[in-house]
Amino acid sequence: MKTVKTIEPQAIDVEIQDGRAPLLVAFLKRNERYPTQLEVLEDACRDYGKSVRCFLYNSDYLDTATERFSVQGTPTFLLFSMGREVNRLIGESDRATLDDFVRDGLSR
């Protein structure tokens, strides 16, 4: 069951400002690592359920992410809470690393 939705650049600001729950956004390039990283993201988001909203930034617009969010490479994971970035993870991740990243960001 897919728990992560793809988000377009024009919709992300609305989601960031929505205070219902923290927001985890993954910036992934469609390459050989994509399936593995997407699976890690899906697993984490399934575990966090409704306490964290999860999105995959549309890979067709990664160039706008470079400007808007200072994403210099992929994969990059950003965690937002109450309208601001609270944590950033750059590079390939496994399930435990992504879980630690989210828990650390939620505790701030």
Protein backbone atom coordinates (compact mmCIF):
# COMPACT_ATOMS: atom_id res chain seq x y z
CA MET A 1 0.00 0.00 0.00
CA LYS A 2 1.43 3.34 -1.05
CA THR A 3 1.51 5.93 1.74
CA VAL A 4 3.64 8.62 0.10
CA LYS A 5 2.07 11.09 -2.30
CA THR A 6 3.96 12.99 -4.97
CA ILE A 7 3.85 16.75 -4.48
CA GLU A 8 4.22 19.46 -7.08
CA PRO A 9 6.24 22.65 -6.46
CA GLN A 10 3.13 24.85 -6.48
CA ALA A 11 1.49 22.79 -3.68
CA ILE A 12 4.37 22.38 -1.27
CA ASP A 13 4.10 25.79 0.42
CA VAL A 14 0.48 25.09 1.34
CA GLU A 15 1.49 21.77 2.89
CA ILE A 16 4.44 23.29 4.78
CA GLN A 17 2.20 25.96 6.32
CA ASP A 18 -0.53 23.47 7.26
CA GLY A 19 -0.06 22.86 10.96
CA ARG A 20 -1.94 19.55 11.22
CA ALA A 21 1.22 17.44 11.44
CA PRO A 22 4.92 17.60 10.60
CA LEU A 23 5.83 17.14 6.95
CA LEU A 24 8.54 14.83 5.59
CA VAL A 25 9.55 15.55 2.00
CA ALA A 26 11.94 13.37 0.01
CA PHE A 27 13.83 14.69 -3.00
CA LEU A 28 14.81 11.65 -5.05
CA LYS A 29 16.25 11.42 -8.54
CA ARG A 30 14.91 8.55 -10.64
CA ASN A 31 18.07 6.47 -10.85
CA GLU A 32 19.22 3.03 -9.70
CA ARG A 33 18.85 4.04 -6.00
CA TYR A 34 15.31 5.38 -6.43
CA PRO A 35 13.36 2.14 -5.70
CA THR A 36 15.34 1.43 -2.53
CA GLN A 37 15.08 4.98 -1.21
CA LEU A 38 11.36 5.13 -2.00
CA GLU A 39 10.85 1.87 -0.09
CA VAL A 40 12.71 3.28 2.93
CA LEU A 41 10.51 6.38 2.80
CA GLU A 42 7.33 4.30 2.44
CA ASP A 43 8.28 2.13 5.44
CA ALA A 44 8.99 5.15 7.64
CA CYS A 45 5.77 6.88 6.66
CA ARG A 46 3.73 3.75 7.30
CA ASP A 47 5.25 3.53 10.77
CA TYR A 48 4.56 7.18 11.59
CA GLY A 49 0.99 6.95 10.32
CA LYS A 50 -0.92 10.19 10.68
CA SER A 51 1.64 11.85 12.96
CA VAL A 52 3.85 12.75 9.97
CA ARG A 53 2.60 13.66 6.49
CA CYS A 54 4.89 12.26 3.80
CA PHE A 55 5.55 13.49 0.30
CA LEU A 56 7.85 12.73 -2.58
CA TYR A 57 8.83 15.91 -4.42
CA ASN A 58 8.04 15.51 -8.11
CA SER A 59 11.37 14.55 -9.71
CA ASP A 60 10.48 16.48 -12.87
CA TYR A 61 10.97 19.68 -10.84
CA LEU A 62 14.15 18.94 -8.91
CA ASP A 63 15.76 22.02 -10.46
CA THR A 64 13.25 24.21 -8.59
CA ALA A 65 14.09 22.37 -5.35
CA THR A 66 17.70 23.39 -5.79
CA GLU A 67 16.68 27.03 -5.71
CA ARG A 68 13.75 26.92 -3.29
CA PHE A 69 15.10 24.51 -0.66
CA SER A 70 18.87 24.53 -1.34
CA VAL A 71 18.79 20.87 -2.30
CA GLN A 72 22.23 20.26 -3.73
CA GLY A 73 21.95 16.54 -4.34
CA THR A 74 19.70 13.57 -4.07
CA PRO A 75 18.54 11.88 -2.07
CA THR A 76 17.71 14.66 0.37
CA PHE A 77 15.06 14.43 3.08
CA LEU A 78 13.58 17.53 4.73
CA LEU A 79 11.38 17.59 7.81
CA PHE A 80 9.13 20.61 8.39
CA SER A 81 7.16 21.46 11.50
CA MET A 82 5.00 24.50 12.16
CA GLY A 83 5.99 26.08 8.86
CA ARG A 84 9.76 25.76 9.12
CA GLU A 85 12.48 23.26 8.32
CA VAL A 86 13.55 21.45 11.48
CA ASN A 87 15.86 18.76 10.11
CA ARG A 88 17.73 17.81 6.92
CA LEU A 89 19.24 14.48 5.88
CA ILE A 90 21.48 14.39 2.82
CA GLY A 91 22.47 11.18 1.10
CA GLU A 92 21.30 7.62 0.85
CA SER A 93 19.42 6.40 3.88
CA ASP A 94 18.41 3.12 5.43
CA ARG A 95 15.32 2.59 7.56
CA ALA A 96 17.06 3.12 10.92
CA THR A 97 18.81 6.31 9.77
CA LEU A 98 15.60 7.82 8.43
CA ASP A 99 13.76 6.87 11.62
CA ASP A 100 16.45 8.54 13.77
CA PHE A 101 16.28 11.61 11.52
CA VAL A 102 12.50 11.94 11.92
CA ARG A 103 12.53 11.30 15.68
CA ASP A 104 15.32 13.84 16.16
CA GLY A 105 13.44 16.46 14.15
CA LEU A 106 10.19 15.85 16.00
CA SER A 107 11.91 16.32 19.35
CA ARG A 108 13.10 19.84 18.45
